[in-house]
């Protein structure tokens, strides 16, 4: 039966089969290479769709788990007391639940669309698709990993391909953009690794009592479930190596250490999200990377920051998340307003979209800061919605740049006449971005703000200004491109080719579908936040 297959491993590593095929192909056959890359990216999409159809939201927890010992090293028990023996053990542990399932499907969809959009790549096709498929493996692995070290490995795996994809196939300042990308994300990775090491060294113990009730086999474990249990269950053997009382144990996590770890994770994932003021690297990537790679970056990679903040920040440290909720909401409002205002004054369409992404990631922060089911669902829905919308917008940007040689707003105008199809989709994508009801952008914004209104009314009301400004900068940019006087050099431009039209229509169809039927995403999230919300209720009751 299909359910007995290692389907999660197939999803993660099937792009590597495409890499194996590409290595055997001649480098000058661009169409063959592109077809192979598209075919390889279709495999995880088909498997993710099957998982989505089979997933039972009411069951809760991780589904289709795969677990095996990855690293196991015996340690000297004398260092921890004579009553315990130790193994440092990490698991190859994959699993999918209602939180990761929509993001895995988003990753697979955007990867296929970006592979089709890579028709604009004009050099070194073989190397491009090799890095592209390796990047897809890393992204899928991040959302399916259930062990923090495995998560870190996949997270790092996304950095190297992106560095080369930006630095080789980007625009004029591509090297600076690639270096800044690696510098900022490398710093975030270092901070994340410090937090993970502390977590494993202090909360990574799972104890199994033996028959004599006196000896214990204590395992260093990096699994999300074990860490959550050990951090939040006072009866567990968390932070008590050797089975002691743990009252004065130096390994016990104090409130100050918990806060420090939460802040470290907030900074690490905030760089990726990005949260102001860690956003400047992202602007260069949006401006300089090839459009198909910006589709991946804006559509998927930014979402890793929010996913990590929810999965590893809020879930592991719910008390600290409550203490920092106002600060998170304030950062979200700053992101929204700062991004919206600067998007309004840009004359380069790529930078308009870049600052728009900063603003829309602020909405995600607001949903997380609400710490209630409506807001958290809104945050995840916004991740999926913005991933589709931004992928479509940058797909259109790439097509416009190929035809006109520019994306500067003063040099564009009146393109609705020669390019009616692309202009119509640009307007529709812009309306989705500003949150028009009936399109997916409205649902995410509405749920996130509604959740925040329940807990922090003043900041939620202030955040609404960002939605209003978004309508202004989106309509200013889109209408400036599609209407007004037409540059005579653009009068005979060809409209979208079939290979461009197919992903444009597919992305727009998904945006409309989620706008009119949002339960396609929200249903998968039904049980995802239950344990977290129960923790909040218990703490408030206590």
Protein backbone atom coordinates (compact mmCIF):
# COMPACT_ATOMS: atom_id res chain seq x y z
CA UNK A 1 0.00 0.00 0.00
CA UNK A 2 1.09 3.58 -0.67
CA UNK A 3 0.60 4.47 2.99
CA UNK A 4 3.35 1.97 3.91
CA UNK A 5 5.91 3.68 1.74
CA UNK A 6 8.38 6.21 3.21
CA UNK A 7 6.33 8.90 1.54
CA UNK A 8 7.84 11.80 3.49
CA UNK A 9 11.36 10.77 2.51
CA UNK A 10 10.17 10.46 -1.08
CA UNK A 11 8.81 14.00 -0.95
CA UNK A 12 12.05 15.40 0.46
CA UNK A 13 14.56 13.50 -1.67
CA UNK A 14 12.74 12.95 -4.96
CA UNK A 15 14.30 16.17 -6.39
CA UNK A 16 17.68 14.48 -5.95
CA UNK A 17 16.61 11.90 -8.52
CA UNK A 18 16.20 14.81 -10.92
CA UNK A 19 19.72 15.91 -10.05
CA UNK A 20 21.02 12.43 -10.89
CA UNK A 21 19.32 12.58 -14.30
CA UNK A 22 20.56 16.12 -14.97
CA UNK A 23 24.15 15.09 -14.29
CA UNK A 24 23.91 12.65 -17.19
CA UNK A 25 22.54 15.20 -19.65
CA UNK A 26 24.45 17.57 -21.97
CA UNK A 27 24.63 21.10 -20.63
CA UNK A 28 23.60 22.86 -23.84
CA UNK A 29 20.13 21.27 -24.11
CA UNK A 30 18.17 23.93 -22.24
CA UNK A 31 14.73 22.52 -23.09
CA UNK A 32 15.69 19.00 -22.00
CA UNK A 33 17.17 20.31 -18.77
CA UNK A 34 14.12 22.45 -18.00
CA UNK A 35 11.74 19.59 -18.74
CA UNK A 36 13.70 17.29 -16.43
CA UNK A 37 13.68 19.89 -13.63
CA UNK A 38 9.94 20.46 -14.00
CA UNK A 39 9.29 16.72 -14.00
CA UNK A 40 11.43 16.25 -10.88
CA UNK A 41 9.56 19.04 -9.07
CA UNK A 42 6.20 17.54 -10.06
CA UNK A 43 6.90 14.38 -8.03
CA UNK A 44 6.84 16.06 -4.58
CA UNK A 45 3.80 18.06 -5.70
CA UNK A 46 1.89 14.88 -6.58
CA UNK A 47 2.89 13.24 -3.28
CA UNK A 48 1.99 16.35 -1.28
CA UNK A 49 -1.44 16.46 -2.95
CA UNK A 50 -1.96 12.81 -2.04
CA UNK A 51 -1.01 13.54 1.58
CA UNK A 52 -3.39 16.49 1.64
CA UNK A 53 -6.24 14.32 0.38
CA UNK A 54 -5.50 11.60 2.95
CA UNK A 55 -4.84 13.86 5.96
CA UNK A 56 -7.43 13.76 8.74
CA UNK A 57 -7.48 17.15 10.53
CA UNK A 58 -9.47 15.75 13.46
CA UNK A 59 -6.75 13.24 14.32
CA UNK A 60 -4.27 15.89 15.43
CA UNK A 61 -0.57 15.30 15.90
CA UNK A 62 1.96 14.28 13.30
CA UNK A 63 0.89 11.90 10.54
CA UNK A 64 3.00 9.55 8.40
CA UNK A 65 5.94 9.78 10.75
CA UNK A 66 9.28 8.26 9.83
CA UNK A 67 11.84 7.74 12.54
CA UNK A 68 15.19 6.01 12.80
CA UNK A 69 18.34 6.55 14.80
CA UNK A 70 20.61 8.91 12.91
CA UNK A 71 23.42 9.68 15.39
CA UNK A 72 24.01 7.70 18.57
CA UNK A 73 27.11 8.26 20.72
CA UNK A 74 27.60 6.82 24.25
CA UNK A 75 28.75 9.33 26.85
CA UNK A 76 30.64 8.93 30.11
CA UNK A 77 28.02 8.54 32.80
CA UNK A 78 30.45 9.70 35.52
CA UNK A 79 30.03 13.23 34.24
CA UNK A 80 26.34 13.07 35.13
CA UNK A 81 26.18 10.81 38.20
CA UNK A 82 26.57 7.12 38.75
CA UNK A 83 22.86 6.26 38.53
CA UNK A 84 22.56 7.03 34.84
CA UNK A 85 24.03 5.96 31.55
CA UNK A 86 23.86 8.32 28.62
CA UNK A 87 23.63 8.26 24.87
CA UNK A 88 23.66 11.34 22.69
CA UNK A 89 21.05 10.34 20.15
CA UNK A 90 19.50 12.24 17.27
CA UNK A 91 16.76 10.92 15.09
CA UNK A 92 16.15 11.02 11.38
CA UNK A 93 12.60 12.01 12.25
CA UNK A 94 10.14 13.28 9.66
CA UNK A 95 6.47 13.98 10.23
CA UNK A 96 3.67 16.07 8.85
CA UNK A 97 0.80 17.74 10.70
CA UNK A 98 -1.77 20.46 10.07
CA UNK A 99 0.81 23.21 10.50
CA UNK A 100 3.42 21.86 8.10
CA UNK A 101 1.08 20.31 5.51
CA UNK A 102 -0.06 23.61 3.90
CA UNK A 103 3.53 24.84 3.76
CA UNK A 104 4.81 21.63 2.19
CA UNK A 105 2.10 21.91 -0.46
CA UNK A 106 2.93 25.61 -0.97
CA UNK A 107 6.61 24.73 -1.44
CA UNK A 108 5.82 22.05 -4.01
CA UNK A 109 3.45 24.34 -5.95
CA UNK A 110 5.81 27.33 -6.04
CA UNK A 111 8.77 25.10 -7.00
CA UNK A 112 6.92 23.77 -10.04
CA UNK A 113 5.85 27.28 -11.09
CA UNK A 114 9.38 28.63 -10.62
CA UNK A 115 10.82 25.75 -12.67
CA UNK A 116 8.46 26.68 -15.50
CA UNK A 117 9.33 30.36 -15.10
CA UNK A 118 13.05 29.61 -15.46
CA UNK A 119 12.60 29.98 -19.20
CA UNK A 120 14.13 33.42 -18.63
CA UNK A 121 17.48 31.89 -17.60
CA UNK A 122 19.96 32.40 -20.46
CA UNK A 123 23.19 30.75 -19.33
CA UNK A 124 24.60 27.69 -17.53
CA UNK A 125 21.25 25.93 -17.52
CA UNK A 126 22.53 22.64 -16.13
CA UNK A 127 24.16 24.20 -13.07
CA UNK A 128 21.07 26.34 -12.48
CA UNK A 129 18.69 23.38 -12.33
CA UNK A 130 21.09 21.36 -10.17
CA UNK A 131 21.15 24.11 -7.55
CA UNK A 132 17.41 24.65 -7.99
CA UNK A 133 16.49 21.05 -7.17
CA UNK A 134 18.92 20.95 -4.24
CA UNK A 135 17.23 24.07 -2.89
CA UNK A 136 13.83 22.39 -3.17
CA UNK A 137 15.09 19.41 -1.16
CA UNK A 138 16.25 21.73 1.62
CA UNK A 139 12.94 23.63 1.74
CA UNK A 140 10.83 20.48 1.89
CA UNK A 141 13.08 19.02 4.57
CA UNK A 142 12.71 22.08 6.79
CA UNK A 143 8.92 21.73 6.93
CA UNK A 144 8.98 17.95 7.43
CA UNK A 145 11.81 17.63 9.99
CA UNK A 146 10.75 16.81 13.56
CA UNK A 147 14.21 16.93 15.11
CA UNK A 148 15.96 20.24 15.67
CA UNK A 149 19.34 19.07 14.38
CA UNK A 150 17.73 17.64 11.26
CA UNK A 151 15.83 20.92 10.92
CA UNK A 152 19.12 22.80 11.16
CA UNK A 153 20.75 20.61 8.50
CA UNK A 154 17.92 21.23 6.04
CA UNK A 155 17.86 24.93 6.94
CA UNK A 156 21.54 25.23 6.11
CA UNK A 157 20.97 23.26 2.91
CA UNK A 158 18.79 26.09 1.61
CA UNK A 159 21.53 28.71 2.05
CA UNK A 160 24.22 27.34 -0.25
CA UNK A 161 22.05 26.91 -3.38
CA UNK A 162 20.47 30.34 -2.87
CA UNK A 163 23.91 31.93 -2.62
CA UNK A 164 24.95 30.56 -6.01
CA UNK A 165 21.55 31.08 -7.66
CA UNK A 166 21.68 34.77 -6.72
CA UNK A 167 25.40 35.30 -7.30
CA UNK A 168 25.61 33.65 -10.74
CA UNK A 169 22.23 34.27 -12.37
CA UNK A 170 21.23 37.58 -10.76
CA UNK A 171 21.39 41.09 -12.17
CA UNK A 172 24.14 43.72 -12.07
CA UNK A 173 24.81 43.77 -8.30
CA UNK A 174 24.24 40.06 -7.84
CA UNK A 175 27.49 39.38 -5.98
CA UNK A 176 26.74 41.98 -3.32
CA UNK A 177 23.21 40.65 -2.94
CA UNK A 178 24.47 37.07 -2.60
CA UNK A 179 27.12 38.05 -0.05
CA UNK A 180 24.63 40.02 2.02
CA UNK A 181 22.17 37.14 1.88
CA UNK A 182 24.81 34.72 3.15
CA UNK A 183 26.09 37.10 5.82
CA UNK A 184 22.71 37.81 7.40
CA UNK A 185 21.36 34.28 7.10
CA UNK A 186 24.63 32.81 8.30
CA UNK A 187 24.43 35.03 11.38
CA UNK A 188 20.88 33.85 11.96
CA UNK A 189 22.02 30.24 11.61
CA UNK A 190 24.79 30.76 14.17
CA UNK A 191 22.34 32.23 16.68
CA UNK A 192 19.91 29.39 16.03
CA UNK A 193 22.64 26.79 16.55
CA UNK A 194 23.59 28.33 19.90
CA UNK A 195 19.96 28.10 21.01
CA UNK A 196 19.69 24.50 19.80
CA UNK A 197 22.87 23.43 21.60
CA UNK A 198 21.61 24.96 24.85
CA UNK A 199 18.22 23.29 24.36
CA UNK A 200 19.73 19.86 23.83
CA UNK A 201 22.23 20.23 26.67
CA UNK A 202 19.51 21.26 29.14
CA UNK A 203 16.09 20.11 27.99
CA UNK A 204 17.04 17.34 25.60
CA UNK A 205 16.84 14.52 28.12
CA UNK A 206 14.18 11.84 27.90
CA UNK A 207 14.30 9.28 30.70
CA UNK A 208 13.08 5.69 30.66
CA UNK A 209 12.76 4.07 34.06
CA UNK A 210 14.19 0.56 34.29
CA UNK A 211 12.75 -2.44 36.14
CA UNK A 212 14.68 -1.83 39.36
CA UNK A 213 13.31 1.72 39.56
CA UNK A 214 16.78 3.05 40.30
CA UNK A 215 18.72 3.21 37.06
CA UNK A 216 17.83 5.25 34.05
CA UNK A 217 18.83 5.28 30.44
CA UNK A 218 18.81 8.97 29.60
CA UNK A 219 18.93 9.94 25.92
CA UNK A 220 19.80 13.31 24.47
CA UNK A 221 16.85 13.91 22.14
CA UNK A 222 16.27 16.75 19.73
CA UNK A 223 12.70 15.83 18.78
CA UNK A 224 10.11 18.59 19.01
CA UNK A 225 7.79 16.41 21.11
CA UNK A 226 10.48 15.45 23.64
CA UNK A 227 11.69 19.03 23.99
CA UNK A 228 8.14 20.33 24.44
CA UNK A 229 7.41 17.67 27.06
CA UNK A 230 10.63 18.23 28.97
CA UNK A 231 10.28 22.01 28.95
CA UNK A 232 6.62 22.22 29.92
CA UNK A 233 5.85 19.11 32.02
CA UNK A 234 6.94 19.65 35.64
CA UNK A 235 6.73 15.91 36.35
CA UNK A 236 9.15 14.94 33.60
CA UNK A 237 12.84 14.23 34.05
CA UNK A 238 13.64 17.31 32.01
CA UNK A 239 16.80 19.03 33.16
CA UNK A 240 17.38 16.33 35.80
CA UNK A 241 20.28 14.17 34.58
CA UNK A 242 20.69 11.06 36.69
CA UNK A 243 17.15 11.12 38.04
CA UNK A 244 17.79 13.64 40.81
CA UNK A 245 15.29 16.08 42.22
CA UNK A 246 16.61 18.82 39.99
CA UNK A 247 15.80 21.61 42.45
CA UNK A 248 19.34 22.96 42.48
CA UNK A 249 20.48 21.24 39.34
CA UNK A 250 22.78 23.41 37.18
CA UNK A 251 21.14 21.96 34.08
CA UNK A 252 17.68 23.24 35.04
CA UNK A 253 16.38 26.00 32.77
CA UNK A 254 15.59 29.06 34.83
CA UNK A 255 13.03 31.63 33.72
CA UNK A 256 15.86 33.89 32.62
CA UNK A 257 17.41 31.16 30.48
CA UNK A 258 14.04 30.40 28.91
CA UNK A 259 13.59 34.06 28.05
CA UNK A 260 17.11 34.22 26.61
CA UNK A 261 16.44 31.16 24.44
CA UNK A 262 13.15 32.58 23.22
CA UNK A 263 14.87 35.85 22.30
CA UNK A 264 17.66 33.97 20.49
CA UNK A 265 15.10 32.06 18.44
CA UNK A 266 13.14 35.26 17.79
CA UNK A 267 16.27 36.94 16.40
CA UNK A 268 17.35 33.89 14.38
CA UNK A 269 13.97 33.41 12.74
CA UNK A 270 13.32 37.17 12.67
CA UNK A 271 16.28 37.60 10.32
CA UNK A 272 14.71 35.06 7.99
CA UNK A 273 11.16 36.40 8.21
CA UNK A 274 12.39 39.26 8.09
CA UNK A 275 11.57 41.49 11.05
CA UNK A 276 12.62 45.15 11.00
CA UNK A 277 15.51 46.09 11.26
CA UNK A 278 16.91 42.77 9.90
CA UNK A 279 15.26 43.21 6.50
CA UNK A 280 17.88 45.00 4.38
CA UNK A 281 19.40 41.79 2.95
CA UNK A 282 16.00 40.76 1.64
CA UNK A 283 15.62 43.99 -0.37
CA UNK A 284 18.83 43.27 -2.28
CA UNK A 285 17.74 39.70 -3.02
CA UNK A 286 14.38 40.85 -4.37
CA UNK A 287 16.05 43.49 -6.52
CA UNK A 288 18.95 41.42 -7.88
CA UNK A 289 18.01 37.73 -7.96
CA UNK A 290 16.53 36.19 -11.12
CA UNK A 291 12.70 36.33 -11.03
CA UNK A 292 12.21 32.56 -10.78
CA UNK A 293 14.47 32.49 -7.71
CA UNK A 294 12.69 35.48 -6.15
CA UNK A 295 9.48 33.47 -6.61
CA UNK A 296 11.07 30.78 -4.41
CA UNK A 297 12.56 33.27 -1.99
CA UNK A 298 9.49 35.41 -1.42
CA UNK A 299 7.04 32.56 -1.86
CA UNK A 300 8.69 29.97 0.40
CA UNK A 301 11.99 30.88 2.07
CA UNK A 302 10.62 33.85 4.01
CA UNK A 303 7.94 31.51 5.39
CA UNK A 304 10.60 29.35 7.05
CA UNK A 305 11.22 32.20 9.51
CA UNK A 306 7.57 32.35 10.57
CA UNK A 307 7.26 28.56 10.67
CA UNK A 308 10.33 28.26 12.90
CA UNK A 309 9.09 31.02 15.19
CA UNK A 310 5.76 29.23 15.66
CA UNK A 311 7.09 25.67 15.83
CA UNK A 312 10.20 26.22 17.93
CA UNK A 313 9.65 29.61 19.58
CA UNK A 314 6.01 29.73 20.60
CA UNK A 315 5.41 25.98 21.01
CA UNK A 316 8.50 25.35 23.14
CA UNK A 317 8.25 28.56 25.18
CA UNK A 318 4.54 29.42 25.53
CA UNK A 319 5.05 31.37 28.77
CA UNK A 320 7.72 33.57 27.19
CA UNK A 321 5.55 33.99 24.09
CA UNK A 322 2.78 35.36 26.33
CA UNK A 323 5.21 37.71 28.04
CA UNK A 324 6.51 38.97 24.69
CA UNK A 325 3.13 39.09 22.93
CA UNK A 326 2.87 42.89 23.06
CA UNK A 327 6.43 43.27 21.76
CA UNK A 328 5.70 40.84 18.91
CA UNK A 329 2.55 42.76 18.01
CA UNK A 330 4.47 46.06 18.11
CA UNK A 331 7.13 44.60 15.79
CA UNK A 332 4.35 43.43 13.50
CA UNK A 333 2.84 46.91 13.36
CA UNK A 334 6.25 48.43 12.65
CA UNK A 335 6.79 45.92 9.84
CA UNK A 336 3.38 46.68 8.36
CA UNK A 337 3.63 50.46 8.43
CA UNK A 338 7.33 50.75 7.62
CA UNK A 339 7.04 48.39 4.66
CA UNK A 340 3.85 49.99 3.39
CA UNK A 341 5.13 53.58 3.57
CA UNK A 342 8.43 52.76 1.84
CA UNK A 343 6.66 50.68 -0.81
CA UNK A 344 4.55 53.75 -1.59
CA UNK A 345 7.57 55.95 -2.39
CA UNK A 346 9.52 53.46 -4.55
CA UNK A 347 9.95 53.97 -8.28
CA UNK A 348 11.33 50.46 -8.89
CA UNK A 349 8.58 47.84 -9.05
CA UNK A 350 10.82 45.11 -7.61
CA UNK A 351 11.41 47.25 -4.52
CA UNK A 352 7.70 47.99 -4.25
CA UNK A 353 7.12 44.25 -4.00
CA UNK A 354 10.08 43.79 -1.65
CA UNK A 355 8.78 46.36 0.85
CA UNK A 356 5.30 44.93 0.36
CA UNK A 357 6.66 41.56 1.55
CA UNK A 358 8.07 43.26 4.67
CA UNK A 359 4.62 44.71 5.32
CA UNK A 360 2.79 41.44 4.74
CA UNK A 361 5.15 39.54 7.02
CA UNK A 362 4.10 42.05 9.67
CA UNK A 363 0.58 40.63 9.37
CA UNK A 364 2.02 37.19 10.12
CA UNK A 365 3.66 38.57 13.27
CA UNK A 366 0.36 40.09 14.36
CA UNK A 367 -1.38 36.74 14.00
CA UNK A 368 1.35 35.00 16.02
CA UNK A 369 1.20 37.72 18.70
CA UNK A 370 -2.53 37.17 19.18
CA UNK A 371 -1.80 33.72 20.69
CA UNK A 372 -5.33 32.56 19.97
CA UNK A 373 -6.68 30.09 17.44
CA UNK A 374 -8.12 32.68 15.04
CA UNK A 375 -4.95 34.74 14.90
CA UNK A 376 -2.61 31.77 14.56
CA UNK A 377 -4.72 30.33 11.77
CA UNK A 378 -4.64 33.76 10.12
CA UNK A 379 -0.85 33.84 10.38
CA UNK A 380 -0.45 30.47 8.66
CA UNK A 381 -3.09 31.31 6.06
CA UNK A 382 -1.25 34.55 5.34
CA UNK A 383 1.95 32.57 4.78
CA UNK A 384 0.26 30.41 2.16
CA UNK A 385 -1.63 33.29 0.56
CA UNK A 386 1.36 35.62 0.35
CA UNK A 387 3.48 32.78 -1.02
CA UNK A 388 1.10 32.34 -3.95
CA UNK A 389 0.54 36.07 -4.55
CA UNK A 390 4.21 37.04 -4.41
CA UNK A 391 5.16 34.11 -6.67
CA UNK A 392 2.62 35.30 -9.25
CA UNK A 393 3.74 38.93 -9.03
CA UNK A 394 7.41 38.08 -9.50
CA UNK A 395 6.55 35.72 -12.33
CA UNK A 396 4.88 38.65 -14.09
CA UNK A 397 7.83 40.90 -13.19
CA UNK A 398 10.21 38.48 -14.89
CA UNK A 399 8.09 38.42 -18.04
CA UNK A 400 7.88 42.23 -18.10
CA UNK A 401 11.63 42.62 -17.60
CA UNK A 402 12.41 40.17 -20.41
CA UNK A 403 10.29 42.24 -22.80
CA UNK A 404 11.03 45.81 -21.71
CA UNK A 405 14.47 45.54 -20.07
CA UNK A 406 13.25 47.52 -17.06
CA UNK A 407 10.89 47.42 -14.10
CA UNK A 408 11.16 51.10 -13.25
CA UNK A 409 7.70 52.60 -12.95
CA UNK A 410 8.47 55.87 -14.79
CA UNK A 411 9.64 53.86 -17.84
CA UNK A 412 6.54 51.68 -17.96
CA UNK A 413 2.96 52.58 -18.73
CA UNK A 414 0.08 51.74 -20.99
CA UNK A 415 1.03 48.05 -21.17
CA UNK A 416 -2.61 46.99 -21.06
CA UNK A 417 -2.73 47.68 -24.80
CA UNK A 418 0.09 45.38 -26.03
CA UNK A 419 -0.05 42.97 -23.04
CA UNK A 420 -3.74 42.59 -22.07
CA UNK A 421 -3.38 39.09 -20.59
CA UNK A 422 -0.41 39.87 -18.33
CA UNK A 423 -1.83 43.27 -17.41
CA UNK A 424 -5.11 41.70 -16.35
CA UNK A 425 -3.34 39.13 -14.18
CA UNK A 426 -1.11 41.84 -12.71
CA UNK A 427 -4.18 43.80 -11.68
CA UNK A 428 -5.83 40.68 -10.20
CA UNK A 429 -2.65 39.79 -8.26
CA UNK A 430 -2.40 43.37 -7.04
CA UNK A 431 -6.00 43.27 -5.79
CA UNK A 432 -5.22 40.02 -3.95
CA UNK A 433 -2.16 41.64 -2.38
CA UNK A 434 -4.15 44.61 -1.05
CA UNK A 435 -6.73 42.26 0.47
CA UNK A 436 -9.76 42.42 -1.81
CA UNK A 437 -12.57 40.16 -0.48
CA UNK A 438 -13.00 37.05 -2.56
CA UNK A 439 -9.24 36.59 -2.96
CA UNK A 440 -6.86 34.81 -0.60
CA UNK A 441 -5.12 37.95 0.63
CA UNK A 442 -8.28 39.11 2.40
CA UNK A 443 -8.68 35.92 4.46
CA UNK A 444 -5.21 35.96 5.98
CA UNK A 445 -5.33 39.66 6.85
CA UNK A 446 -8.85 39.40 8.28
CA UNK A 447 -8.15 36.39 10.51
CA UNK A 448 -4.83 37.75 11.81
CA UNK A 449 -6.29 41.16 12.65
CA UNK A 450 -9.45 39.64 14.11
CA UNK A 451 -7.37 37.45 16.39
CA UNK A 452 -5.29 40.42 17.51
CA UNK A 453 -8.41 42.51 18.19
CA UNK A 454 -9.34 39.98 20.87
CA UNK A 455 -6.14 40.59 22.83
CA UNK A 456 -4.57 43.92 21.79
CA UNK A 457 -7.19 46.24 20.35
CA UNK A 458 -5.05 49.39 20.12
CA UNK A 459 -2.25 47.76 18.14
CA UNK A 460 -4.76 45.99 15.92
CA UNK A 461 -6.46 49.29 15.11
CA UNK A 462 -3.09 50.85 14.31
CA UNK A 463 -2.22 47.92 12.04
CA UNK A 464 -5.30 48.60 9.92
CA UNK A 465 -3.49 51.70 8.62
CA UNK A 466 -1.05 49.37 6.89
CA UNK A 467 -3.91 47.72 5.02
CA UNK A 468 -5.13 51.14 3.84
CA UNK A 469 -1.67 52.21 2.67
CA UNK A 470 -1.29 48.87 0.88
CA UNK A 471 -4.28 49.71 -1.29
CA UNK A 472 -2.63 53.00 -2.23
CA UNK A 473 0.82 51.69 -3.20
CA UNK A 474 -0.51 48.62 -5.00
CA UNK A 475 -2.99 50.56 -7.13
CA UNK A 476 -0.44 53.31 -7.79
CA UNK A 477 2.11 50.79 -9.10
CA UNK A 478 -0.20 48.45 -10.99
CA UNK A 479 -2.26 51.18 -12.65
CA UNK A 480 0.92 53.07 -13.49
CA UNK A 481 2.20 50.03 -15.37
CA UNK A 482 -0.98 49.02 -17.15
CA UNK A 483 -2.55 52.44 -17.96
CA UNK A 484 -1.33 55.90 -18.92
CA UNK A 485 0.78 56.84 -21.95
CA UNK A 486 2.45 53.97 -23.77
CA UNK A 487 6.13 54.10 -24.61
CA UNK A 488 6.33 53.60 -28.39
CA UNK A 489 9.17 51.11 -27.92
CA UNK A 490 6.67 48.86 -26.11
CA UNK A 491 3.87 49.09 -28.64
CA UNK A 492 4.61 45.75 -30.33
CA UNK A 493 5.51 43.66 -27.27
CA UNK A 494 4.29 40.03 -27.39
CA UNK A 495 1.93 38.88 -24.67
CA UNK A 496 2.54 35.85 -22.46
CA UNK A 497 3.74 32.65 -24.10
CA UNK A 498 2.15 29.35 -23.19
CA UNK A 499 4.99 28.37 -20.84
CA UNK A 500 4.46 31.67 -18.98
CA UNK A 501 0.66 31.66 -19.13
CA UNK A 502 0.27 28.19 -17.58
CA UNK A 503 1.93 29.01 -14.21
CA UNK A 504 0.28 32.45 -14.15
CA UNK A 505 -3.18 30.93 -14.57
CA UNK A 506 -2.44 28.14 -12.07
CA UNK A 507 -1.29 30.56 -9.37
CA UNK A 508 -4.22 32.91 -9.97
CA UNK A 509 -6.65 29.99 -9.80
CA UNK A 510 -5.25 28.96 -6.41
CA UNK A 511 -5.50 32.54 -5.12
CA UNK A 512 -9.16 32.68 -6.12
CA UNK A 513 -9.85 29.18 -4.80
CA UNK A 514 -8.48 29.97 -1.34
CA UNK A 515 -10.32 33.29 -1.36
CA UNK A 516 -13.72 31.68 -1.86
CA UNK A 517 -12.99 28.39 -0.05
CA UNK A 518 -10.49 29.18 2.75
CA UNK A 519 -11.35 26.03 4.71
CA UNK A 520 -9.03 24.17 2.33
CA UNK A 521 -6.26 25.55 4.55
CA UNK A 522 -8.01 26.33 7.82
CA UNK A 523 -9.46 22.80 8.15
CA UNK A 524 -5.95 21.33 8.28
CA UNK A 525 -5.14 23.68 11.17
CA UNK A 526 -8.08 22.62 13.36
CA UNK A 527 -6.10 20.54 15.84
CA UNK A 528 -2.65 22.03 15.20
CA UNK A 529 -2.77 24.66 17.93
CA UNK A 530 -4.83 22.70 20.48
CA UNK A 531 -1.95 21.69 22.80
CA UNK A 532 -0.48 25.18 22.64
CA UNK A 533 -3.81 26.85 23.45
CA UNK A 534 -4.39 24.37 26.29
CA UNK A 535 -1.03 25.44 27.73
CA UNK A 536 -2.07 29.09 27.62
CA UNK A 537 -5.40 28.33 29.30
CA UNK A 538 -3.70 26.27 32.02
CA UNK A 539 -1.22 29.04 32.75
CA UNK A 540 -3.97 31.66 32.91
CA UNK A 541 -6.00 29.40 35.18
CA UNK A 542 -3.00 28.86 37.40
